[in-house]
Amino acid sequence: MTQTDEWIDIAEAAVRADRCTATIRNHIKKGSLPAVKSRATGRDGRMIEKIMIRVVDVDRVFPKFDMEAHIRKVESEWVPLSERQQQTIRRVFMEHWAEQSAKEQADRQGNDDNAKQGN
């Protein structure tokens, strides 16, 4: 069976698309994801009605994100930071680090003072 012939139910479509079943149902309701009702035998032997979706339609509506291709694209288009930008970033980080260090030192000093008063 080829992928164009393969049919899956809503739960399987949700897993394949990395979405919840409600999202799959919403796309079916809107008409953006074609589906058919099919009768099948349930686990208990009774006939049930299932909504079936072609795999190719799930893949078309919810394309897989190719992270590696995205990274290659970003890397091919990025522009290095200028020396001025690098200096500004260093300065901001150093100022932040100094503020955090001063705050931590003040907190430690306050804790030491409280401990001395408690004795």
Foldseek 3Di string as FASTA:
>chain_A
DDLQPDKDFLCVLCVVLVHDSVVVVVCCVVVQFPWDWDWDQDPVRDIDITIIGRNVSSCVVRPDDDVVVVVVVCVVPDDDDDPVVVVVVVVVVVVVVVVVVVVVVVVVVVVVVVVVVVD
